[in-house]
């Protein structure tokens, strides 16, 4: 979201950058029950208080602050890895829940440990 916000500013679309922040907030809240990262909130505050009508200085400052940001390809790869990790965790949780259900029902009585 932060990268999109920067791209909007670079293209003179400050209102879209501000709107993207709202999209970010809504997505994070509904999907993860978290708030945006401090860097994203700082960018939003800079956009709200920015006074550069041509956005040139604002965009330059935003780019300067994004030197450590991953590229779109890197961010996509990180996101895909996170999704795979979450899917594996979900599968493990589902297996554990099925095992607990079998234990509760009495289907499993002997673990074969003794």
N, C-alpha and C. Protein backbone atom coordinates (compact mmCIF):
# COMPACT_ATOMS: atom_id res chain seq x y z
N UNK A 1 0.83 -1.19 0.00
CA UNK A 1 0.00 0.00 0.00
C UNK A 1 0.87 1.26 0.00
N UNK A 2 1.94 1.22 0.78
CA UNK A 2 2.83 2.37 0.86
C UNK A 2 3.46 2.65 -0.51
N UNK A 3 3.83 1.60 -1.22
CA UNK A 3 4.42 1.79 -2.54
C UNK A 3 3.41 2.42 -3.49
N UNK A 4 2.16 1.96 -3.43
CA UNK A 4 1.12 2.57 -4.26
C UNK A 4 0.94 4.03 -3.91
N UNK A 5 0.95 4.33 -2.62
CA UNK A 5 0.80 5.73 -2.20
C UNK A 5 1.91 6.58 -2.80
N UNK A 6 3.13 6.08 -2.75
CA UNK A 6 4.26 6.84 -3.32
C UNK A 6 4.11 7.03 -4.81
N UNK A 7 3.68 5.96 -5.50
CA UNK A 7 3.51 6.06 -6.94
C UNK A 7 2.44 7.09 -7.30
N UNK A 8 1.36 7.10 -6.55
CA UNK A 8 0.32 8.11 -6.80
C UNK A 8 0.88 9.51 -6.64
N UNK A 9 1.66 9.73 -5.59
CA UNK A 9 2.23 11.06 -5.36
C UNK A 9 3.17 11.44 -6.50
N UNK A 10 4.01 10.50 -6.91
CA UNK A 10 4.95 10.76 -7.99
C UNK A 10 4.24 11.16 -9.28
N UNK A 11 3.02 10.67 -9.43
CA UNK A 11 2.25 10.97 -10.64
C UNK A 11 1.24 12.08 -10.41
N UNK A 12 1.44 12.85 -9.34
CA UNK A 12 0.60 14.01 -9.08
C UNK A 12 -0.81 13.67 -8.63
N UNK A 13 -1.01 12.50 -8.08
CA UNK A 13 -2.35 12.06 -7.67
C UNK A 13 -2.41 11.91 -6.15
N UNK A 14 -2.19 13.01 -5.49
CA UNK A 14 -2.14 13.04 -4.02
C UNK A 14 -3.44 12.53 -3.40
N UNK A 15 -4.58 12.90 -3.95
CA UNK A 15 -5.87 12.44 -3.42
C UNK A 15 -5.97 10.92 -3.49
N UNK A 16 -5.48 10.32 -4.57
CA UNK A 16 -5.50 8.86 -4.69
C UNK A 16 -4.57 8.22 -3.67
N UNK A 17 -3.44 8.88 -3.38
CA UNK A 17 -2.52 8.37 -2.37
C UNK A 17 -3.20 8.36 -1.00
N UNK A 18 -3.91 9.43 -0.70
CA UNK A 18 -4.64 9.50 0.57
C UNK A 18 -5.74 8.44 0.62
N UNK A 19 -6.41 8.24 -0.50
CA UNK A 19 -7.47 7.23 -0.58
C UNK A 19 -6.87 5.82 -0.39
N UNK A 20 -5.68 5.61 -0.93
CA UNK A 20 -5.02 4.30 -0.80
C UNK A 20 -4.72 3.99 0.66
N UNK A 21 -4.40 5.01 1.42
CA UNK A 21 -4.16 4.82 2.85
C UNK A 21 -5.43 4.28 3.52
N UNK A 22 -6.58 4.82 3.15
CA UNK A 22 -7.84 4.36 3.72
C UNK A 22 -8.11 2.90 3.34
N UNK A 23 -7.81 2.55 2.10
CA UNK A 23 -7.96 1.17 1.64
C UNK A 23 -7.06 0.26 2.48
N UNK A 24 -5.85 0.71 2.70
CA UNK A 24 -4.88 -0.03 3.51
C UNK A 24 -5.43 -0.26 4.92
N UNK A 25 -5.90 0.79 5.55
CA UNK A 25 -6.44 0.69 6.91
C UNK A 25 -7.59 -0.30 6.98
N UNK A 26 -8.50 -0.21 6.02
CA UNK A 26 -9.66 -1.09 6.02
C UNK A 26 -9.25 -2.55 5.82
N UNK A 27 -8.32 -2.79 4.91
CA UNK A 27 -7.88 -4.16 4.64
C UNK A 27 -7.17 -4.75 5.85
N UNK A 28 -6.27 -4.00 6.45
CA UNK A 28 -5.55 -4.50 7.61
C UNK A 28 -6.47 -4.77 8.79
N UNK A 29 -7.44 -3.89 8.98
CA UNK A 29 -8.36 -4.06 10.09
C UNK A 29 -9.26 -5.27 9.88
N UNK A 30 -9.84 -5.39 8.68
CA UNK A 30 -10.79 -6.48 8.44
C UNK A 30 -10.12 -7.84 8.32
N UNK A 31 -8.91 -7.88 7.76
CA UNK A 31 -8.26 -9.16 7.53
C UNK A 31 -7.34 -9.60 8.66
N UNK A 32 -6.69 -8.64 9.32
CA UNK A 32 -5.69 -9.00 10.33
C UNK A 32 -5.90 -8.34 11.68
N UNK A 33 -6.87 -7.43 11.76
CA UNK A 33 -7.14 -6.70 13.01
C UNK A 33 -5.90 -5.96 13.51
N UNK A 34 -5.18 -5.34 12.58
CA UNK A 34 -4.01 -4.54 12.93
C UNK A 34 -4.10 -3.18 12.25
N UNK A 35 -3.23 -2.28 12.65
CA UNK A 35 -3.16 -0.96 12.04
C UNK A 35 -1.96 -0.91 11.11
N UNK A 36 -1.88 0.10 10.24
CA UNK A 36 -0.75 0.20 9.32
C UNK A 36 0.58 0.35 10.06
N UNK A 37 1.64 0.00 9.38
CA UNK A 37 2.99 0.15 9.94
C UNK A 37 3.27 1.63 10.19
N UNK A 38 4.19 1.87 11.11
CA UNK A 38 4.55 3.24 11.46
C UNK A 38 4.99 4.04 10.23
N UNK A 39 5.72 3.38 9.32
CA UNK A 39 6.19 4.06 8.11
C UNK A 39 5.02 4.50 7.23
N UNK A 40 4.00 3.66 7.16
CA UNK A 40 2.82 4.00 6.35
C UNK A 40 2.06 5.16 6.98
N UNK A 41 1.93 5.13 8.30
CA UNK A 41 1.24 6.22 8.98
C UNK A 41 2.03 7.52 8.85
N UNK A 42 3.36 7.43 8.91
CA UNK A 42 4.19 8.64 8.76
C UNK A 42 4.03 9.21 7.35
N UNK A 43 3.99 8.34 6.35
CA UNK A 43 3.78 8.79 4.97
C UNK A 43 2.43 9.48 4.85
N UNK A 44 1.41 8.90 5.43
CA UNK A 44 0.08 9.50 5.39
C UNK A 44 0.08 10.89 6.03
N UNK A 45 0.73 11.01 7.18
CA UNK A 45 0.79 12.33 7.85
C UNK A 45 1.53 13.34 6.98
N UNK A 46 2.60 12.91 6.31
CA UNK A 46 3.33 13.83 5.42
C UNK A 46 2.43 14.27 4.26
N UNK A 47 1.64 13.33 3.76
CA UNK A 47 0.72 13.68 2.67
C UNK A 47 -0.34 14.67 3.14
N UNK A 48 -0.83 14.47 4.35
CA UNK A 48 -1.85 15.37 4.88
C UNK A 48 -1.32 16.78 5.10
N UNK A 49 -0.09 16.90 5.53
CA UNK A 49 0.47 18.20 5.87
C UNK A 49 1.33 18.79 4.75
N UNK A 50 1.51 18.04 3.66
CA UNK A 50 2.35 18.52 2.56
C UNK A 50 1.84 19.81 1.96
N UNK A 51 2.76 20.73 1.65
CA UNK A 51 2.35 22.02 1.10
C UNK A 51 2.87 22.25 -0.31
N UNK A 52 3.57 21.28 -0.86
CA UNK A 52 4.14 21.43 -2.20
C UNK A 52 3.06 21.23 -3.25
N UNK A 53 2.57 22.28 -3.83
CA UNK A 53 1.49 22.20 -4.80
C UNK A 53 1.83 21.39 -6.03
N UNK A 54 3.10 21.41 -6.46
CA UNK A 54 3.49 20.64 -7.63
C UNK A 54 3.88 19.22 -7.31
N UNK A 55 3.98 18.90 -6.06
CA UNK A 55 4.31 17.56 -5.57
C UNK A 55 5.74 17.14 -5.88
N UNK A 56 6.52 17.95 -6.52
CA UNK A 56 7.88 17.57 -6.86
C UNK A 56 8.74 17.34 -5.62
N UNK A 57 8.76 18.32 -4.73
CA UNK A 57 9.55 18.17 -3.50
C UNK A 57 8.99 17.06 -2.64
N UNK A 58 7.67 16.96 -2.58
CA UNK A 58 7.03 15.93 -1.78
C UNK A 58 7.41 14.55 -2.31
N UNK A 59 7.34 14.36 -3.61
CA UNK A 59 7.68 13.07 -4.20
C UNK A 59 9.15 12.75 -3.97
N UNK A 60 10.01 13.74 -4.10
CA UNK A 60 11.44 13.51 -3.86
C UNK A 60 11.68 13.09 -2.42
N UNK A 61 11.01 13.74 -1.48
CA UNK A 61 11.16 13.38 -0.07
C UNK A 61 10.63 11.97 0.18
N UNK A 62 9.53 11.63 -0.45
CA UNK A 62 8.97 10.29 -0.26
C UNK A 62 9.90 9.24 -0.84
N UNK A 63 10.48 9.52 -1.99
CA UNK A 63 11.42 8.56 -2.60
C UNK A 63 12.66 8.41 -1.75
N UNK A 64 13.13 9.50 -1.18
CA UNK A 64 14.30 9.46 -0.32
C UNK A 64 14.03 8.56 0.88
N UNK A 65 12.83 8.63 1.43
CA UNK A 65 12.46 7.81 2.58
C UNK A 65 12.16 6.37 2.20
N UNK A 66 12.04 6.07 0.92
CA UNK A 66 11.71 4.71 0.50
C UNK A 66 12.92 3.93 0.02
N UNK A 67 14.12 4.42 0.28
CA UNK A 67 15.32 3.74 -0.19
C UNK A 67 15.41 2.31 0.32
N UNK A 68 14.90 2.04 1.50
CA UNK A 68 14.97 0.71 2.08
C UNK A 68 13.73 -0.14 1.79
N UNK A 69 12.81 0.39 1.03
CA UNK A 69 11.58 -0.34 0.69
C UNK A 69 11.91 -1.40 -0.36
N UNK A 70 11.25 -2.56 -0.28
CA UNK A 70 11.48 -3.58 -1.30
C UNK A 70 10.88 -3.16 -2.63
N UNK A 71 11.43 -3.72 -3.70
CA UNK A 71 10.84 -3.48 -5.02
C UNK A 71 9.51 -4.21 -5.08
N UNK A 72 8.73 -3.93 -6.10
CA UNK A 72 7.44 -4.59 -6.24
C UNK A 72 7.63 -6.10 -6.36
N UNK A 73 8.64 -6.53 -7.11
CA UNK A 73 8.90 -7.97 -7.25
C UNK A 73 9.29 -8.59 -5.91
N UNK A 74 10.13 -7.90 -5.14
CA UNK A 74 10.53 -8.42 -3.83
C UNK A 74 9.33 -8.49 -2.89
N UNK A 75 8.51 -7.45 -2.91
CA UNK A 75 7.33 -7.44 -2.05
C UNK A 75 6.36 -8.54 -2.45
N UNK A 76 6.21 -8.78 -3.75
CA UNK A 76 5.34 -9.84 -4.23
C UNK A 76 5.86 -11.20 -3.77
N UNK A 77 7.16 -11.40 -3.88
CA UNK A 77 7.75 -12.67 -3.43
C UNK A 77 7.58 -12.85 -1.93
N UNK A 78 7.75 -11.78 -1.17
CA UNK A 78 7.56 -11.86 0.28
C UNK A 78 6.11 -12.19 0.61
N UNK A 79 5.20 -11.57 -0.09
CA UNK A 79 3.78 -11.83 0.13
C UNK A 79 3.42 -13.27 -0.22
N UNK A 80 3.94 -13.76 -1.33
CA UNK A 80 3.66 -15.15 -1.72
C UNK A 80 4.21 -16.13 -0.68
N UNK A 81 5.40 -15.86 -0.16
CA UNK A 81 5.98 -16.72 0.87
C UNK A 81 5.13 -16.68 2.14
N UNK A 82 4.65 -15.50 2.49
CA UNK A 82 3.80 -15.38 3.68
C UNK A 82 2.49 -16.14 3.49
N UNK A 83 1.91 -16.06 2.30
CA UNK A 83 0.67 -16.78 2.02
C UNK A 83 0.90 -18.28 2.14
N UNK A 84 2.01 -18.77 1.59
CA UNK A 84 2.31 -20.20 1.67
C UNK A 84 2.50 -20.63 3.13
N UNK A 85 3.16 -19.81 3.91
CA UNK A 85 3.36 -20.11 5.33
C UNK A 85 2.02 -20.17 6.05
N UNK A 86 1.15 -19.21 5.76
CA UNK A 86 -0.17 -19.18 6.39
C UNK A 86 -1.01 -20.39 5.96
N UNK A 87 -0.91 -20.78 4.71
CA UNK A 87 -1.66 -21.94 4.24
C UNK A 87 -1.17 -23.22 4.92
N UNK A 88 0.13 -23.35 5.09
CA UNK A 88 0.69 -24.52 5.78
C UNK A 88 0.24 -24.54 7.24
N UNK A 89 0.25 -23.37 7.86
CA UNK A 89 -0.20 -23.29 9.25
C UNK A 89 -1.67 -23.64 9.37
N UNK A 90 -2.48 -23.18 8.43
CA UNK A 90 -3.91 -23.49 8.44
C UNK A 90 -4.12 -24.99 8.29
N UNK A 91 -3.36 -25.64 7.41
CA UNK A 91 -3.49 -27.08 7.21
C UNK A 91 -3.12 -27.83 8.50
N UNK A 92 -2.04 -27.40 9.15
CA UNK A 92 -1.63 -28.03 10.41
C UNK A 92 -2.70 -27.85 11.48
N UNK A 93 -3.27 -26.67 11.55
CA UNK A 93 -4.33 -26.40 12.52
C UNK A 93 -5.55 -27.28 12.25
N UNK A 94 -5.92 -27.40 10.99
CA UNK A 94 -7.07 -28.24 10.64
C UNK A 94 -6.81 -29.70 11.01
N UNK A 95 -5.59 -30.18 10.80
CA UNK A 95 -5.24 -31.55 11.16
C UNK A 95 -5.30 -31.74 12.68
N UNK A 96 -4.80 -30.75 13.41
CA UNK A 96 -4.84 -30.83 14.87
C UNK A 96 -6.28 -30.81 15.37
N UNK A 97 -7.11 -29.99 14.77
CA UNK A 97 -8.52 -29.92 15.18
C UNK A 97 -9.23 -31.24 14.89
N UNK A 98 -8.91 -31.87 13.78
CA UNK A 98 -9.51 -33.16 13.44
C UNK A 98 -9.08 -34.22 14.45
N UNK A 99 -7.82 -34.18 14.85
CA UNK A 99 -7.32 -35.13 15.84
C UNK A 99 -8.01 -34.93 17.19
N UNK A 100 -8.18 -33.68 17.59
CA UNK A 100 -8.87 -33.39 18.85
C UNK A 100 -10.31 -33.89 18.78
N UNK A 101 -10.96 -33.70 17.66
CA UNK A 101 -12.34 -34.17 17.50
C UNK A 101 -12.40 -35.69 17.62
N UNK A 102 -11.43 -36.38 17.03
CA UNK A 102 -11.39 -37.85 17.13
C UNK A 102 -11.13 -38.29 18.56
N UNK A 103 -10.28 -37.57 19.26
CA UNK A 103 -10.02 -37.89 20.67
C UNK A 103 -11.27 -37.71 21.52
N UNK A 104 -11.97 -36.59 21.30
CA UNK A 104 -13.19 -36.30 22.07
C UNK A 104 -14.28 -37.33 21.81
N UNK A 105 -14.37 -37.79 20.58
CA UNK A 105 -15.43 -38.74 20.23
C UNK A 105 -15.13 -40.15 20.72
N UNK A 106 -13.91 -40.37 21.17
CA UNK A 106 -13.53 -41.71 21.63
C UNK A 106 -13.03 -42.59 20.52
N UNK A 107 -12.97 -42.06 19.32
CA UNK A 107 -12.48 -42.84 18.18
C UNK A 107 -11.03 -43.28 18.40
N UNK A 108 -10.27 -42.43 19.01
CA UNK A 108 -8.87 -42.75 19.33
C UNK A 108 -8.80 -42.97 20.83
N UNK A 109 -8.41 -44.18 21.21
CA UNK A 109 -8.29 -44.50 22.64
C UNK A 109 -6.86 -44.87 22.99
N UNK A 110 -6.20 -45.49 22.10
CA UNK A 110 -4.84 -45.96 22.38
C UNK A 110 -3.88 -45.27 21.42
N UNK A 111 -2.95 -44.55 21.95
CA UNK A 111 -1.98 -43.83 21.12
C UNK A 111 -0.87 -44.76 20.64
N UNK A 112 -0.87 -45.98 21.16
CA UNK A 112 0.18 -46.93 20.75
C UNK A 112 1.53 -46.59 21.32
N UNK A 113 1.54 -45.91 22.47
CA UNK A 113 2.81 -45.51 23.07
C UNK A 113 3.27 -46.46 24.16
N UNK A 114 2.47 -47.39 24.53
CA UNK A 114 2.88 -48.23 25.65
C UNK A 114 2.32 -49.55 25.54
